[in-house]
Amino acid sequence: MKRIFCISIILTLLISTLNTAHAFTCGKKFFSKGDLSFQVLIDCGEPVIREVIGYTLTPDQRREMVIERWVYGPVKGFYQVLIFEGGVLIKEEKIINK
C-alpha cells in the first residue's frame, strides 16, 4: 500500500513539473498554451517587441486571425518568445541572450 502511495506522489510531481516546464513565467504567474493575450498583457506589461508575423483563418474558414510574436526579457540570460494566434497563446520558446 505504501508503495502505491509513493508511486502516485512521484507521478503527480512529475506531471506538475512537465506542465510548468513549457510555461511562460512572469513574476509569480504562469502562462501556457491556451491562455489569452490580454491576460499576459495585464500581468506582464508590454513586451520589448510586439509584431504581427502573419494571418491565418479560423477553422471554419470564415474569419481571419492575426498571428503575433511577443518578446519579453532578457531574464536570467534568456528571452521569452510568445506566439499568439487570434489572441490565444499557441507557442512559447526561450532564446539565449548572446
N, C-alpha and C. Protein backbone atom coordinates (compact mmCIF):
# COMPACT_ATOMS: atom_id res chain seq x y z
N MET A 1 0.82 -1.20 0.00
CA MET A 1 0.00 0.00 0.00
C MET A 1 0.87 1.26 0.00
N LYS A 2 1.94 1.24 0.80
CA LYS A 2 2.84 2.38 0.84
C LYS A 2 3.49 2.60 -0.52
N ARG A 3 3.79 1.50 -1.19
CA ARG A 3 4.44 1.58 -2.50
C ARG A 3 3.55 2.29 -3.51
N ILE A 4 2.28 1.95 -3.53
CA ILE A 4 1.32 2.59 -4.45
C ILE A 4 1.20 4.07 -4.13
N PHE A 5 1.15 4.40 -2.86
CA PHE A 5 1.05 5.80 -2.44
C PHE A 5 2.28 6.58 -2.89
N CYS A 6 3.47 6.03 -2.69
CA CYS A 6 4.71 6.68 -3.10
C CYS A 6 4.76 6.88 -4.61
N ILE A 7 4.36 5.86 -5.35
CA ILE A 7 4.37 5.95 -6.81
C ILE A 7 3.39 7.03 -7.27
N SER A 8 2.22 7.10 -6.66
CA SER A 8 1.25 8.11 -7.07
C SER A 8 1.75 9.52 -6.77
N ILE A 9 2.45 9.71 -5.66
CA ILE A 9 3.01 11.04 -5.35
C ILE A 9 4.10 11.40 -6.35
N ILE A 10 4.96 10.45 -6.67
CA ILE A 10 6.02 10.72 -7.65
C ILE A 10 5.44 11.06 -9.01
N LEU A 11 4.44 10.34 -9.44
CA LEU A 11 3.80 10.63 -10.73
C LEU A 11 3.15 12.00 -10.73
N THR A 12 2.49 12.35 -9.64
CA THR A 12 1.86 13.68 -9.54
C THR A 12 2.90 14.78 -9.65
N LEU A 13 4.02 14.62 -8.97
CA LEU A 13 5.10 15.62 -9.04
C LEU A 13 5.68 15.72 -10.44
N LEU A 14 5.87 14.59 -11.09
CA LEU A 14 6.40 14.60 -12.45
C LEU A 14 5.46 15.29 -13.42
N ILE A 15 4.18 15.01 -13.30
CA ILE A 15 3.19 15.63 -14.18
C ILE A 15 3.14 17.12 -13.96
N SER A 16 3.16 17.57 -12.71
CA SER A 16 3.12 19.01 -12.45
C SER A 16 4.38 19.69 -12.96
N THR A 17 5.52 19.01 -12.90
CA THR A 17 6.76 19.56 -13.44
C THR A 17 6.69 19.67 -14.95
N LEU A 18 6.14 18.67 -15.61
CA LEU A 18 6.02 18.72 -17.06
C LEU A 18 5.10 19.83 -17.51
N ASN A 19 4.02 20.07 -16.79
CA ASN A 19 3.08 21.12 -17.16
C ASN A 19 3.71 22.50 -17.07
N THR A 20 4.58 22.74 -16.10
CA THR A 20 5.19 24.06 -15.95
C THR A 20 6.50 24.18 -16.71
N ALA A 21 7.02 23.07 -17.25
CA ALA A 21 8.28 23.13 -17.97
C ALA A 21 8.18 24.01 -19.20
N HIS A 22 7.04 24.04 -19.84
CA HIS A 22 6.85 24.85 -21.03
C HIS A 22 5.95 26.04 -20.76
N ALA A 23 5.96 26.51 -19.53
CA ALA A 23 5.12 27.65 -19.17
C ALA A 23 5.96 28.91 -19.16
N PHE A 24 5.38 29.98 -19.64
CA PHE A 24 6.00 31.29 -19.57
C PHE A 24 5.74 31.84 -18.18
N THR A 25 6.78 32.28 -17.51
CA THR A 25 6.61 32.82 -16.17
C THR A 25 6.83 34.32 -16.19
N CYS A 26 5.99 34.99 -15.45
CA CYS A 26 6.07 36.44 -15.31
C CYS A 26 5.79 36.73 -13.85
N GLY A 27 6.85 37.04 -13.09
CA GLY A 27 6.67 37.19 -11.66
C GLY A 27 6.26 35.86 -11.06
N LYS A 28 5.12 35.83 -10.41
CA LYS A 28 4.62 34.59 -9.82
C LYS A 28 3.53 33.95 -10.67
N LYS A 29 3.29 34.50 -11.85
CA LYS A 29 2.24 33.99 -12.74
C LYS A 29 2.83 33.04 -13.77
N PHE A 30 2.08 32.01 -14.11
CA PHE A 30 2.45 31.05 -15.14
C PHE A 30 1.46 31.13 -16.28
N PHE A 31 1.97 31.15 -17.51
CA PHE A 31 1.12 31.15 -18.69
C PHE A 31 1.56 30.00 -19.59
N SER A 32 0.59 29.35 -20.21
CA SER A 32 0.90 28.24 -21.12
C SER A 32 -0.09 28.25 -22.28
N LYS A 33 0.06 27.29 -23.17
CA LYS A 33 -0.81 27.21 -24.35
C LYS A 33 -2.27 27.35 -23.95
N GLY A 34 -2.99 28.16 -24.73
CA GLY A 34 -4.41 28.34 -24.49
C GLY A 34 -4.75 29.59 -23.69
N ASP A 35 -3.74 30.19 -23.06
CA ASP A 35 -4.00 31.43 -22.31
C ASP A 35 -4.18 32.59 -23.28
N LEU A 36 -4.88 33.62 -22.82
CA LEU A 36 -5.23 34.75 -23.68
C LEU A 36 -4.21 35.88 -23.58
N SER A 37 -4.01 36.56 -24.70
CA SER A 37 -3.00 37.62 -24.76
C SER A 37 -3.30 38.76 -23.79
N PHE A 38 -4.56 39.10 -23.58
CA PHE A 38 -4.85 40.21 -22.68
C PHE A 38 -4.48 39.87 -21.24
N GLN A 39 -4.55 38.58 -20.86
CA GLN A 39 -4.14 38.18 -19.51
C GLN A 39 -2.63 38.39 -19.34
N VAL A 40 -1.87 37.99 -20.36
CA VAL A 40 -0.41 38.18 -20.31
C VAL A 40 -0.08 39.66 -20.25
N LEU A 41 -0.76 40.47 -21.06
CA LEU A 41 -0.50 41.90 -21.10
C LEU A 41 -0.80 42.57 -19.75
N ILE A 42 -1.89 42.20 -19.11
CA ILE A 42 -2.25 42.76 -17.81
C ILE A 42 -1.22 42.40 -16.75
N ASP A 43 -0.80 41.14 -16.72
CA ASP A 43 0.10 40.67 -15.66
C ASP A 43 1.57 40.97 -15.92
N CYS A 44 1.97 41.05 -17.19
CA CYS A 44 3.40 41.20 -17.51
C CYS A 44 3.76 42.54 -18.13
N GLY A 45 2.77 43.30 -18.55
CA GLY A 45 3.03 44.58 -19.21
C GLY A 45 3.39 44.39 -20.68
N GLU A 46 3.79 45.49 -21.28
CA GLU A 46 4.14 45.46 -22.71
C GLU A 46 5.42 44.67 -22.93
N PRO A 47 5.46 43.86 -23.97
CA PRO A 47 6.70 43.15 -24.31
C PRO A 47 7.71 44.13 -24.90
N VAL A 48 8.99 43.74 -24.93
CA VAL A 48 10.00 44.59 -25.54
C VAL A 48 9.84 44.63 -27.05
N ILE A 49 9.32 43.56 -27.63
CA ILE A 49 9.00 43.51 -29.06
C ILE A 49 7.62 42.89 -29.21
N ARG A 50 6.81 43.54 -30.02
CA ARG A 50 5.47 43.03 -30.32
C ARG A 50 5.24 43.25 -31.81
N GLU A 51 5.11 42.15 -32.56
CA GLU A 51 5.00 42.30 -34.00
C GLU A 51 4.00 41.31 -34.60
N VAL A 52 3.35 41.75 -35.64
CA VAL A 52 2.46 40.87 -36.41
C VAL A 52 3.33 40.10 -37.38
N ILE A 53 3.24 38.76 -37.32
CA ILE A 53 4.08 37.94 -38.20
C ILE A 53 3.28 37.20 -39.26
N GLY A 54 1.94 37.35 -39.22
CA GLY A 54 1.15 36.70 -40.25
C GLY A 54 -0.33 36.69 -39.91
N TYR A 55 -1.06 36.01 -40.76
CA TYR A 55 -2.51 35.87 -40.60
C TYR A 55 -2.89 34.44 -40.92
N THR A 56 -3.97 33.99 -40.32
CA THR A 56 -4.50 32.66 -40.62
C THR A 56 -6.01 32.73 -40.54
N LEU A 57 -6.68 31.69 -41.01
CA LEU A 57 -8.13 31.64 -40.97
C LEU A 57 -8.60 30.79 -39.80
N THR A 58 -9.78 31.10 -39.30
CA THR A 58 -10.38 30.27 -38.27
C THR A 58 -10.67 28.89 -38.85
N PRO A 59 -10.88 27.89 -38.00
CA PRO A 59 -11.15 26.54 -38.52
C PRO A 59 -12.31 26.47 -39.51
N ASP A 60 -13.31 27.35 -39.34
CA ASP A 60 -14.44 27.33 -40.28
C ASP A 60 -14.17 28.16 -41.54
N GLN A 61 -12.95 28.71 -41.64
CA GLN A 61 -12.51 29.47 -42.81
C GLN A 61 -13.31 30.75 -43.05
N ARG A 62 -13.96 31.29 -42.02
CA ARG A 62 -14.82 32.46 -42.22
C ARG A 62 -14.19 33.77 -41.76
N ARG A 63 -13.24 33.68 -40.82
CA ARG A 63 -12.63 34.91 -40.29
C ARG A 63 -11.12 34.79 -40.29
N GLU A 64 -10.49 35.95 -40.42
CA GLU A 64 -9.04 35.99 -40.39
C GLU A 64 -8.57 36.28 -38.97
N MET A 65 -7.49 35.62 -38.56
CA MET A 65 -6.91 35.85 -37.24
C MET A 65 -5.48 36.33 -37.40
N VAL A 66 -5.07 37.23 -36.51
CA VAL A 66 -3.71 37.76 -36.51
C VAL A 66 -2.79 36.80 -35.76
N ILE A 67 -1.58 36.61 -36.29
CA ILE A 67 -0.55 35.85 -35.59
C ILE A 67 0.50 36.86 -35.14
N GLU A 68 0.74 36.93 -33.82
CA GLU A 68 1.67 37.90 -33.25
C GLU A 68 2.82 37.20 -32.53
N ARG A 69 3.97 37.86 -32.54
CA ARG A 69 5.13 37.42 -31.76
C ARG A 69 5.41 38.49 -30.71
N TRP A 70 5.43 38.06 -29.44
CA TRP A 70 5.78 38.95 -28.34
C TRP A 70 7.07 38.45 -27.73
N VAL A 71 7.97 39.37 -27.41
CA VAL A 71 9.25 39.01 -26.80
C VAL A 71 9.39 39.74 -25.47
N TYR A 72 9.67 38.97 -24.42
CA TYR A 72 9.93 39.51 -23.09
C TYR A 72 11.36 39.16 -22.70
N GLY A 73 11.98 40.04 -21.92
CA GLY A 73 13.30 39.73 -21.37
C GLY A 73 14.30 40.79 -21.70
N PRO A 74 15.58 40.48 -21.53
CA PRO A 74 16.09 39.19 -21.09
C PRO A 74 15.92 38.99 -19.58
N VAL A 75 15.66 37.76 -19.19
CA VAL A 75 15.57 37.37 -17.79
C VAL A 75 16.47 36.16 -17.60
N LYS A 76 17.44 36.28 -16.71
CA LYS A 76 18.40 35.21 -16.43
C LYS A 76 19.07 34.71 -17.71
N GLY A 77 19.37 35.63 -18.61
CA GLY A 77 20.08 35.28 -19.83
C GLY A 77 19.23 34.76 -20.97
N PHE A 78 17.91 34.78 -20.81
CA PHE A 78 17.01 34.27 -21.84
C PHE A 78 15.95 35.29 -22.23
N TYR A 79 15.59 35.28 -23.50
CA TYR A 79 14.40 35.99 -23.96
C TYR A 79 13.27 34.97 -24.03
N GLN A 80 12.07 35.38 -23.65
CA GLN A 80 10.88 34.54 -23.77
C GLN A 80 10.12 35.02 -25.00
N VAL A 81 9.88 34.12 -25.94
CA VAL A 81 9.16 34.46 -27.17
C VAL A 81 7.80 33.77 -27.12
N LEU A 82 6.75 34.57 -27.24
CA LEU A 82 5.39 34.04 -27.20
C LEU A 82 4.75 34.25 -28.56
N ILE A 83 4.07 33.23 -29.07
CA ILE A 83 3.34 33.33 -30.33
C ILE A 83 1.84 33.21 -30.02
N PHE A 84 1.10 34.23 -30.45
CA PHE A 84 -0.35 34.25 -30.25
C PHE A 84 -1.05 34.14 -31.60
N GLU A 85 -2.08 33.34 -31.65
CA GLU A 85 -2.90 33.21 -32.85
C GLU A 85 -4.32 33.56 -32.45
N GLY A 86 -4.83 34.66 -33.01
CA GLY A 86 -6.16 35.10 -32.65
C GLY A 86 -6.29 35.44 -31.17
N GLY A 87 -5.20 35.92 -30.56
CA GLY A 87 -5.22 36.29 -29.15
C GLY A 87 -5.05 35.14 -28.18
N VAL A 88 -4.70 33.95 -28.70
CA VAL A 88 -4.53 32.76 -27.86
C VAL A 88 -3.07 32.29 -27.97
N LEU A 89 -2.44 32.06 -26.83
CA LEU A 89 -1.05 31.60 -26.82
C LEU A 89 -0.97 30.19 -27.40
N ILE A 90 -0.17 30.05 -28.47
CA ILE A 90 -0.03 28.73 -29.11
C ILE A 90 1.37 28.16 -28.98
N LYS A 91 2.37 29.03 -28.68
CA LYS A 91 3.74 28.54 -28.60
C LYS A 91 4.57 29.45 -27.72
N GLU A 92 5.50 28.85 -26.98
CA GLU A 92 6.41 29.60 -26.12
C GLU A 92 7.80 29.03 -26.31
N GLU A 93 8.78 29.91 -26.48
CA GLU A 93 10.17 29.49 -26.68
C GLU A 93 11.08 30.33 -25.80
N LYS A 94 12.21 29.77 -25.44
CA LYS A 94 13.25 30.53 -24.74
C LYS A 94 14.43 30.63 -25.70
N ILE A 95 14.99 31.84 -25.81
CA ILE A 95 16.14 32.06 -26.67
C ILE A 95 17.25 32.65 -25.81
N ILE A 96 18.44 32.10 -25.95
CA ILE A 96 19.60 32.56 -25.18
C ILE A 96 20.01 33.95 -25.64
N ASN A 97 20.23 34.84 -24.67
CA ASN A 97 20.70 36.19 -24.95
C ASN A 97 22.21 36.12 -25.12
N LYS A 98 22.71 36.34 -26.34
CA LYS A 98 24.16 36.26 -26.59
C LYS A 98 24.81 37.61 -26.45
